[in-house]
Amino acid sequence: MWALLFLIGAASVSAHLQDLSFDGQKVFRVIPRNDEQVEILDSLASIMQVDFWQPDSVTLVRPKMQVDFRVGAANSFEVEELLKQSGMEYQVLIDNLQAALDAQFDNKARADSHSYEKYNNWDTIAAWTADIAAQNPDLISRSVIGETYEGRPMYLLKIGKSGTDKKAIFMDCGFHAREWISPAFCQWFVKEAVETYGKDTVMTTLLDKLDFYVLPVLNIDGYIYTWTNDRMWRKTRSKNANSICYGADPNRNFNAGWCTTGASSSPCSATYCGSAPESEKETKALADFIREHLSTIKAYLTIHSYSQLLLFPYSYTYTLPSDYQELNSIASAASKELASLYNTKYTYGPGAKTIYPAAGGSDDWAYDQGVKYSFTFELRDTGRYGFLLPESQIKPTCEETMLAVKYIANYVLEHLY
C-alpha cells in the first residue's frame, strides 16, 4: 500500500486541481477508522493536491470522522485503489465533478436578469443591491463599508423602518467564494423582508423594532473568481508576499485565537490565516464596521455551507462561552424551527466541540467583542452535492433557513441587552 502511495506521488507531480475543466475529478467520502488510516490520508495530501471539503484541512482529520475530499482526474483511479487496499470505508460522493457543476444550473430560466432562484454573478448582485434599495426607500438603504483587494466596493444593505435608538442584527454571506448558496440566502432574506413587511406579523415587528445589516457577499473577488476561473476557489484573491499562492481564508483572519488551531500559516493552504489578523481588506472592513456599531449590534449571523450545522462560539478553544446555556437553547429551538418545514436535520453546538477547532473565525471574534448572539449557519447539504448545490434547492434551503433566522431575530428582540 505504501508502495502504491509512492507510485501515486511520482505520477501526480504534474496533476493540478486548478484545471479549468473538472472532467473526471472525483469527490470521495472516507471514514478513517484509526490513526494509521488518518496517516494514509495525510500522506496522500502531502504527495498530491487534495482539496478537503469537510473538514477543510487534512490537519483536522481524526479517526471515525467523516472526511470529504476532491482529487484530480489523473489521480482518481489510484486514489480509489489506495482506499480499497487500505481497507478504509469510502464512497464516491461525486463521480464527475464537471457533470455536477453543470447540473447546478438546473433552473432553466437562464436570463441575465436577477433571480432569487438561481445563482447570480457579482455584477447581477451588485445591480440588485442598487435596485432593491431604490424600489424600497422606506425600508432599505445601501452603503459601502470598504473595498476589496481588487478595488470593488463592498455593498451593505440596511433594512428596517426608520426609528430612534434601534438595535441591529448583522448578517453576512459569501465568506468562502465557492459556497454559492450563502449569497443566495442573503438575497432571499432581503426579498422576504420587503415582500412580507406589513403582511407577516413577525417580520413587520422585526423591521419596525430592529435594523438588519446585510452584507450579500464579503469575499467579492473570490466569488467572481469562482465564476470566471475556478469554481472551487475558497479564499480571497490578495497577493501574498514571497509566495506564488494567492489569498487568505477570511474566516481564519479575525483576531480570535488567530492562527493557532485549525488554521495554517502557509499561504498555499486553503486555511491560510493571512499575514496578520485583519490583513485582508474585506475582513478589516467588516471588523471596522462592527466595532463602529458595537453599541447597537446585538446579534451576528454568518452564513456558510455545507453540512447543516448551527454553530456558536467557541471554535478557537474548547472552553464554553459564558452564555453557553442560552446560546445552546436558542440553537436548539432555531434548529427545530428550521426542520419544521422540510424535516432538514441540523446539528448544533459550540464550533470546536461540534465539528472541529478552527481559530480566527468571525463569529468567535464578534462574540469576544461583546455581541452575545453570535451564530454560524452551515446550510445544505450534507455532502451529496457539497458546494455544488443545485439551483432547484435554493428556494427550499432559503425558506427553511428563514424560519431559523426569524426565530433568532425575534429572540434577540425580546432579550435585548
Protein backbone atom coordinates (compact mmCIF):
# COMPACT_ATOMS: atom_id res chain seq x y z
CA MET A 1 0.00 0.00 0.00
CA TRP A 2 2.82 2.42 0.83
CA ALA A 3 4.37 1.42 -2.49
CA LEU A 4 1.14 2.49 -4.17
CA LEU A 5 1.34 5.82 -2.36
CA PHE A 6 4.87 6.24 -3.70
CA LEU A 7 3.70 5.49 -7.25
CA ILE A 8 0.84 7.97 -6.97
CA GLY A 9 3.28 10.57 -5.71
CA ALA A 10 5.58 10.02 -8.65
CA ALA A 11 2.71 10.23 -11.11
CA SER A 12 0.92 13.20 -9.64
CA VAL A 13 3.58 15.88 -9.70
CA SER A 14 2.11 17.40 -12.85
CA ALA A 15 -1.54 16.89 -11.95
CA HIS A 16 -3.10 20.09 -10.66
CA LEU A 17 -6.54 20.68 -9.26
CA GLN A 18 -6.78 24.15 -10.77
CA ASP A 19 -7.71 22.78 -14.22
CA LEU A 20 -10.46 24.81 -15.81
CA SER A 21 -12.32 21.63 -16.66
CA PHE A 22 -13.35 19.47 -13.75
CA ASP A 23 -13.93 16.47 -16.02
CA GLY A 24 -13.14 13.24 -14.25
CA GLN A 25 -12.42 14.87 -10.91
CA LYS A 26 -13.97 12.93 -8.05
CA VAL A 27 -15.14 13.71 -4.55
CA PHE A 28 -14.63 10.89 -2.08
CA ARG A 29 -16.08 10.42 1.38
CA VAL A 30 -13.98 8.32 3.73
CA ILE A 31 -14.20 7.42 7.39
CA PRO A 32 -10.71 6.58 8.69
CA ARG A 33 -11.05 4.01 11.46
CA ASN A 34 -7.75 4.57 13.25
CA ASP A 35 -4.58 6.64 13.36
CA GLU A 36 -2.93 4.58 10.63
CA GLN A 37 -5.73 5.37 8.20
CA VAL A 38 -5.56 9.05 9.17
CA GLU A 39 -1.84 8.86 8.37
CA ILE A 40 -2.61 7.45 4.91
CA LEU A 41 -4.80 10.48 4.15
CA ASP A 42 -2.06 12.74 5.49
CA SER A 43 0.49 11.08 3.20
CA LEU A 44 -1.87 11.37 0.26
CA ALA A 45 -2.27 15.11 0.86
CA SER A 46 1.50 15.53 1.03
CA ILE A 47 2.15 13.98 -2.41
CA MET A 48 -0.71 15.50 -4.43
CA GLN A 49 -3.16 18.34 -4.37
CA VAL A 50 -6.13 17.20 -2.34
CA ASP A 51 -8.97 19.67 -1.83
CA PHE A 52 -10.53 18.94 1.55
CA TRP A 53 -14.22 19.85 1.61
CA GLN A 54 -15.08 18.58 5.07
CA PRO A 55 -13.17 19.24 7.28
CA ASP A 56 -11.32 21.96 5.37
CA SER A 57 -7.80 20.76 6.16
CA VAL A 58 -6.09 17.38 6.49
CA THR A 59 -4.65 18.53 9.83
CA LEU A 60 -8.17 18.38 11.31
CA VAL A 61 -8.83 14.77 10.28
CA ARG A 62 -9.35 12.38 13.21
CA PRO A 63 -10.32 8.69 13.42
CA LYS A 64 -14.04 7.97 12.88
CA MET A 65 -14.57 11.41 11.32
CA GLN A 66 -16.42 11.72 8.03
CA VAL A 67 -14.00 13.25 5.52
CA ASP A 68 -14.94 14.59 2.07
CA PHE A 69 -12.19 15.47 -0.39
CA ARG A 70 -11.68 16.17 -4.09
CA VAL A 71 -8.89 14.80 -6.28
CA GLY A 72 -7.84 15.48 -9.85
CA ALA A 73 -8.89 13.26 -12.75
CA ALA A 74 -5.33 11.99 -13.25
CA ASN A 75 -5.22 10.63 -9.69
CA SER A 76 -8.75 9.45 -9.04
CA PHE A 77 -8.23 5.82 -10.08
CA GLU A 78 -5.06 5.41 -8.00
CA VAL A 79 -6.67 7.11 -5.00
CA GLU A 80 -9.60 4.72 -5.17
CA GLU A 81 -7.21 1.76 -5.39
CA LEU A 82 -5.35 3.05 -2.36
CA LEU A 83 -8.58 3.40 -0.37
CA LYS A 84 -9.56 -0.16 -1.32
CA GLN A 85 -6.17 -1.59 -0.38
CA SER A 86 -6.08 0.24 2.95
CA GLY A 87 -9.50 -1.19 3.86
CA MET A 88 -10.77 2.31 4.55
CA GLU A 89 -14.52 2.78 4.46
CA TYR A 90 -15.24 5.05 1.47
CA GLN A 91 -17.78 6.08 -1.11
CA VAL A 92 -17.64 8.22 -4.24
CA LEU A 93 -19.85 11.22 -3.48
CA ILE A 94 -19.38 12.86 -6.88
CA ASP A 95 -18.16 10.70 -9.74
CA ASN A 96 -17.57 13.51 -12.23
CA LEU A 97 -17.26 17.00 -10.82
CA GLN A 98 -17.83 18.70 -14.18
CA ALA A 99 -21.19 16.97 -14.55
CA ALA A 100 -22.17 18.04 -11.02
CA LEU A 101 -21.03 21.55 -11.81
CA ASP A 102 -23.18 21.69 -14.95
CA ALA A 103 -26.11 20.18 -13.07
CA GLN A 104 -26.09 23.04 -10.54
CA PHE A 105 -27.73 25.25 -13.12
CA ASP A 106 -30.99 23.33 -13.22
CA ASN A 107 -33.16 26.44 -13.15
CA LYS A 108 -33.85 26.73 -16.85
CA ALA A 109 -34.66 30.44 -16.67
CA ARG A 110 -31.12 31.44 -17.57
CA ALA A 111 -31.88 35.08 -18.26
CA ASP A 112 -29.26 37.70 -17.47
CA SER A 113 -31.66 39.34 -15.07
CA HIS A 114 -31.54 38.79 -11.33
CA SER A 115 -33.46 35.83 -9.93
CA TYR A 116 -33.85 34.64 -6.34
CA GLU A 117 -33.99 31.04 -7.52
CA LYS A 118 -30.77 30.92 -9.47
CA TYR A 119 -27.15 31.70 -8.72
CA ASN A 120 -26.39 35.28 -9.67
CA ASN A 121 -22.92 36.52 -10.60
CA TRP A 122 -21.44 39.51 -8.83
CA ASP A 123 -22.42 42.13 -11.41
CA THR A 124 -26.03 40.96 -11.17
CA ILE A 125 -25.93 41.02 -7.35
CA ALA A 126 -24.33 44.49 -7.29
CA ALA A 127 -27.01 45.87 -9.62
CA TRP A 128 -29.68 44.18 -7.49
CA THR A 129 -28.43 45.92 -4.33
CA ALA A 130 -28.97 49.27 -6.05
CA ASP A 131 -32.36 48.29 -7.47
CA ILE A 132 -33.86 46.87 -4.30
CA ALA A 133 -32.77 49.93 -2.30
CA ALA A 134 -34.21 52.28 -4.93
CA GLN A 135 -37.51 50.37 -5.05
CA ASN A 136 -37.92 50.30 -1.25
CA PRO A 137 -36.57 53.63 0.02
CA ASP A 138 -38.67 53.48 3.20
CA LEU A 139 -37.19 50.09 4.17
CA ILE A 140 -33.72 49.79 2.60
CA SER A 141 -30.63 51.95 2.27
CA ARG A 142 -27.37 50.95 0.62
CA SER A 143 -23.89 51.98 1.70
CA VAL A 144 -20.30 50.97 1.01
CA ILE A 145 -18.31 49.70 4.00
CA GLY A 146 -14.97 49.31 2.25
CA GLU A 147 -13.41 47.90 -0.85
CA THR A 148 -11.92 44.54 -1.74
CA TYR A 149 -8.28 43.80 -2.51
CA GLU A 150 -9.05 44.22 -6.23
CA GLY A 151 -10.82 47.53 -5.59
CA ARG A 152 -14.50 46.58 -5.70
CA PRO A 153 -16.99 48.35 -3.43
CA MET A 154 -18.42 46.24 -0.61
CA TYR A 155 -22.14 46.99 -0.55
CA LEU A 156 -24.11 46.78 2.68
CA LEU A 157 -27.90 46.91 2.85
CA LYS A 158 -29.58 48.31 5.95
CA ILE A 159 -33.14 47.05 6.26
CA GLY A 160 -35.71 48.39 8.70
CA LYS A 161 -38.22 51.20 9.26
CA SER A 162 -36.56 54.40 10.37
CA GLY A 163 -36.70 54.95 14.10
CA THR A 164 -34.62 56.15 17.02
CA ASP A 165 -32.36 54.05 19.23
CA LYS A 166 -32.91 50.91 17.19
CA LYS A 167 -30.76 47.87 17.89
CA ALA A 168 -29.45 45.83 14.98
CA ILE A 169 -28.59 42.38 13.72
CA PHE A 170 -25.64 41.96 11.35
CA MET A 171 -25.70 39.19 8.77
CA ASP A 172 -23.10 38.35 6.14
CA CYS A 173 -22.83 35.85 3.32
CA GLY A 174 -20.14 34.77 0.89
CA PHE A 175 -17.08 34.47 3.14
CA HIS A 176 -15.85 31.42 1.22
CA ALA A 177 -16.04 32.02 -2.51
CA ARG A 178 -17.31 28.60 -3.57
CA GLU A 179 -20.22 28.47 -1.11
CA TRP A 180 -22.72 29.89 -3.59
CA ILE A 181 -25.85 29.02 -1.61
CA SER A 182 -24.68 31.53 1.02
CA PRO A 183 -25.05 34.77 -1.03
CA ALA A 184 -28.29 33.30 -2.41
CA PHE A 185 -29.64 33.28 1.14
CA CYS A 186 -28.71 36.91 1.88
CA GLN A 187 -30.58 37.96 -1.28
CA TRP A 188 -33.56 35.81 -0.30
CA PHE A 189 -33.63 37.32 3.19
CA VAL A 190 -33.84 40.84 1.77
CA LYS A 191 -36.61 39.78 -0.65
CA GLU A 192 -38.63 38.22 2.18
CA ALA A 193 -38.17 41.31 4.34
CA VAL A 194 -39.62 43.67 1.73
CA GLU A 195 -42.29 41.30 0.41
CA THR A 196 -43.69 40.28 3.79
CA TYR A 197 -43.40 43.60 5.63
CA GLY A 198 -46.93 44.67 6.56
CA LYS A 199 -48.27 41.15 5.88
CA ASP A 200 -46.31 38.83 8.18
CA THR A 201 -46.65 39.99 11.78
CA VAL A 202 -43.27 38.65 12.91
CA MET A 203 -41.34 40.26 10.06
CA THR A 204 -43.25 43.52 10.42
CA THR A 205 -42.45 43.71 14.13
CA LEU A 206 -38.81 42.83 13.49
CA LEU A 207 -38.36 45.58 10.89
CA ASP A 208 -40.27 48.13 12.97
CA LYS A 209 -38.12 47.50 16.03
CA LEU A 210 -34.76 46.32 14.68
CA ASP A 211 -32.42 47.12 11.81
CA PHE A 212 -30.78 44.38 9.79
CA TYR A 213 -27.38 45.00 8.23
CA VAL A 214 -26.95 42.55 5.36
CA LEU A 215 -23.65 42.10 3.54
CA PRO A 216 -24.63 39.97 0.50
CA VAL A 217 -21.05 38.95 -0.39
CA LEU A 218 -17.98 39.56 1.76
CA ASN A 219 -15.38 37.86 -0.47
CA ILE A 220 -16.38 39.50 -3.75
CA ASP A 221 -13.04 38.98 -5.56
CA GLY A 222 -13.07 35.29 -4.69
CA TYR A 223 -16.72 34.95 -5.68
CA ILE A 224 -16.03 36.47 -9.11
CA TYR A 225 -13.05 34.12 -9.49
CA THR A 226 -15.35 31.11 -8.94
CA TRP A 227 -17.45 32.31 -11.88
CA THR A 228 -14.55 33.11 -14.22
CA ASN A 229 -11.62 30.84 -13.36
CA ASP A 230 -12.01 28.18 -10.70
CA ARG A 231 -15.42 27.18 -9.34
CA MET A 232 -13.73 25.55 -6.33
CA TRP A 233 -11.82 28.64 -5.16
CA ARG A 234 -12.29 29.37 -1.43
CA LYS A 235 -10.03 32.22 -0.27
CA THR A 236 -9.67 35.92 -1.00
CA ARG A 237 -7.55 37.00 -4.01
CA SER A 238 -4.87 39.08 -2.30
CA LYS A 239 -1.24 38.69 -3.37
CA ASN A 240 0.92 37.07 -0.69
CA ALA A 241 4.46 38.37 -0.20
CA ASN A 242 7.17 35.87 -1.20
CA SER A 243 4.64 33.31 -2.40
CA ILE A 244 3.12 32.29 -5.72
CA CYS A 245 -0.10 31.38 -3.89
CA TYR A 246 -2.97 33.83 -3.63
CA GLY A 247 -5.40 34.74 -0.91
CA ALA A 248 -6.18 34.02 2.71
CA ASP A 249 -9.11 32.29 4.33
CA PRO A 250 -11.23 35.23 5.54
CA ASN A 251 -12.73 33.03 8.25
CA ARG A 252 -9.30 32.40 9.76
CA ASN A 253 -8.31 36.07 9.56
CA PHE A 254 -10.01 37.52 12.65
CA ASN A 255 -8.32 38.26 15.95
CA ALA A 256 -9.86 35.37 17.86
CA GLY A 257 -7.11 32.90 18.77
CA TRP A 258 -5.65 33.96 15.42
CA CYS A 259 -3.58 31.32 13.57
CA THR A 260 -3.47 28.86 16.43
CA THR A 261 -5.64 25.78 15.93
CA GLY A 262 -7.22 24.65 12.65
CA ALA A 263 -5.58 27.46 10.68
CA SER A 264 -2.42 27.40 8.60
CA SER A 265 0.48 29.85 8.36
CA SER A 266 1.24 28.62 4.83
CA PRO A 267 -0.02 30.99 2.08
CA CYS A 268 -0.71 27.99 -0.16
CA SER A 269 -3.09 26.39 2.33
CA ALA A 270 -6.87 26.62 1.97
CA THR A 271 -7.00 27.66 5.63
CA TYR A 272 -4.20 30.26 5.46
CA CYS A 273 -4.75 32.71 8.32
CA GLY A 274 -3.23 35.68 6.48
CA SER A 275 -0.09 37.65 7.39
CA ALA A 276 -1.79 39.18 10.47
CA PRO A 277 -5.30 39.48 11.94
CA GLU A 278 -7.45 41.55 9.54
CA SER A 279 -4.69 41.51 6.92
CA GLU A 280 -7.43 41.08 4.31
CA LYS A 281 -9.17 44.30 3.29
CA GLU A 282 -12.52 42.53 3.34
CA THR A 283 -12.25 41.25 6.91
CA LYS A 284 -10.92 44.59 8.11
CA ALA A 285 -13.88 46.43 6.55
CA LEU A 286 -16.29 44.06 8.28
CA ALA A 287 -14.49 44.29 11.64
CA ASP A 288 -14.27 48.09 11.44
CA PHE A 289 -17.99 48.37 10.74
CA ILE A 290 -18.95 46.12 13.65
CA ARG A 291 -16.55 47.94 16.00
CA GLU A 292 -18.09 51.28 15.00
CA HIS A 293 -21.62 49.95 15.64
CA LEU A 294 -20.95 47.82 18.73
CA SER A 295 -23.42 49.76 20.83
CA THR A 296 -26.29 48.83 18.50
CA ILE A 297 -25.36 45.42 17.02
CA LYS A 298 -26.80 42.74 19.30
CA ALA A 299 -26.54 39.68 17.06
CA TYR A 300 -24.14 38.46 14.40
CA LEU A 301 -25.14 35.79 11.87
CA THR A 302 -22.68 34.47 9.30
CA ILE A 303 -23.92 32.14 6.56
CA HIS A 304 -21.73 29.36 5.14
CA SER A 305 -22.13 25.92 3.55
CA TYR A 306 -22.21 22.96 3.66
CA SER A 307 -23.12 20.36 6.37
CA GLN A 308 -26.35 21.55 8.01
CA LEU A 309 -24.97 22.98 11.23
CA LEU A 310 -25.90 25.82 13.55
CA LEU A 311 -22.78 26.74 15.49
CA PHE A 312 -21.92 29.29 18.15
CA PRO A 313 -18.68 30.14 19.99
CA TYR A 314 -16.17 28.94 20.56
CA SER A 315 -14.29 27.42 17.67
CA TYR A 316 -10.78 28.54 18.68
CA THR A 317 -10.99 26.88 22.08
CA TYR A 318 -12.87 24.00 23.67
CA THR A 319 -13.78 26.33 26.53
CA LEU A 320 -17.50 27.02 26.57
CA PRO A 321 -18.68 30.63 26.31
CA SER A 322 -20.17 32.20 29.43
CA ASP A 323 -23.54 32.36 27.64
CA TYR A 324 -23.40 28.67 26.68
CA GLN A 325 -26.79 27.62 28.15
CA GLU A 326 -28.66 30.44 26.46
CA LEU A 327 -26.91 30.11 23.08
CA ASN A 328 -27.40 26.35 23.11
CA SER A 329 -31.12 26.63 23.83
CA ILE A 330 -31.54 29.24 21.06
CA ALA A 331 -29.65 26.98 18.61
CA SER A 332 -31.79 24.02 19.63
CA ALA A 333 -35.07 25.90 19.14
CA ALA A 334 -33.91 27.52 15.87
CA SER A 335 -32.89 24.10 14.51
CA LYS A 336 -36.35 22.75 15.35
CA GLU A 337 -37.96 25.70 13.55
CA LEU A 338 -35.78 25.05 10.51
CA ALA A 339 -36.66 21.34 10.47
CA SER A 340 -40.40 22.06 10.74
CA LEU A 341 -40.70 22.83 7.01
CA TYR A 342 -38.85 20.08 5.12
CA ASN A 343 -37.56 17.97 8.01
CA THR A 344 -33.99 19.07 7.30
CA LYS A 345 -31.87 17.97 10.24
CA TYR A 346 -29.32 20.37 11.66
CA THR A 347 -26.66 19.62 14.26
CA TYR A 348 -26.00 22.46 16.70
CA GLY A 349 -23.48 23.37 19.37
CA PRO A 350 -20.21 25.21 20.01
CA GLY A 351 -17.91 25.03 16.97
CA ALA A 352 -14.84 23.30 18.40
CA LYS A 353 -16.82 20.56 20.16
CA THR A 354 -19.44 20.11 17.45
CA ILE A 355 -17.18 19.83 14.41
CA TYR A 356 -13.51 20.72 14.90
CA PRO A 357 -11.37 23.52 16.31
CA ALA A 358 -10.72 26.46 13.98
CA ALA A 359 -9.18 29.75 15.06
CA GLY A 360 -9.73 33.22 13.63
CA GLY A 361 -13.44 32.94 12.85
CA SER A 362 -15.73 35.95 12.62
CA ASP A 363 -18.37 34.53 15.00
CA ASP A 364 -15.85 33.99 17.81
CA TRP A 365 -14.43 37.46 17.19
CA ALA A 366 -17.87 39.12 17.26
CA TYR A 367 -18.75 37.28 20.48
CA ASP A 368 -15.49 38.41 22.10
CA GLN A 369 -16.32 41.97 21.06
CA GLY A 370 -19.48 41.69 23.14
CA VAL A 371 -22.03 40.62 20.51
CA LYS A 372 -23.69 37.92 22.59
CA TYR A 373 -25.94 36.31 19.99
CA SER A 374 -23.30 35.14 17.52
CA PHE A 375 -24.10 32.21 15.21
CA THR A 376 -22.70 30.47 12.15
CA PHE A 377 -25.03 28.63 9.78
CA GLU A 378 -23.71 25.87 7.54
CA LEU A 379 -26.51 25.44 5.00
CA ARG A 380 -27.44 22.41 2.87
CA ASP A 381 -26.48 19.80 2.14
CA THR A 382 -24.56 17.07 3.96
CA GLY A 383 -22.32 16.19 1.03
CA ARG A 384 -24.36 14.68 -1.79
CA TYR A 385 -23.75 17.91 -3.75
CA GLY A 386 -21.44 19.70 -1.33
CA PHE A 387 -20.55 23.12 -2.70
CA LEU A 388 -22.46 22.40 -5.92
CA LEU A 389 -25.99 22.53 -4.54
CA PRO A 390 -28.42 22.62 -7.50
CA GLU A 391 -30.43 25.79 -8.05
CA SER A 392 -33.63 23.80 -7.52
CA GLN A 393 -32.62 23.62 -3.84
CA ILE A 394 -32.16 27.38 -3.39
CA LYS A 395 -35.83 28.02 -2.58
CA PRO A 396 -36.34 25.22 -0.02
CA THR A 397 -32.95 25.93 1.57
CA CYS A 398 -33.73 29.62 1.94
CA GLU A 399 -37.30 29.03 3.11
CA GLU A 400 -36.23 26.77 5.96
CA THR A 401 -33.27 28.95 6.90
CA MET A 402 -35.59 31.98 7.11
CA LEU A 403 -37.53 30.21 9.86
CA ALA A 404 -34.40 29.80 11.96
CA VAL A 405 -33.16 33.34 11.30
CA LYS A 406 -36.56 34.82 12.17
CA TYR A 407 -36.64 32.76 15.35
CA ILE A 408 -33.21 34.03 16.41
CA ALA A 409 -34.05 37.64 15.47
CA ASN A 410 -37.30 37.51 17.42
CA TYR A 411 -35.49 36.04 20.43
CA VAL A 412 -32.89 38.82 20.25
CA LEU A 413 -35.65 41.45 20.09
CA GLU A 414 -37.24 40.00 23.23
CA HIS A 415 -33.91 39.70 25.06
CA LEU A 416 -32.10 42.95 24.23
CA TYR A 417 -29.18 43.72 26.49
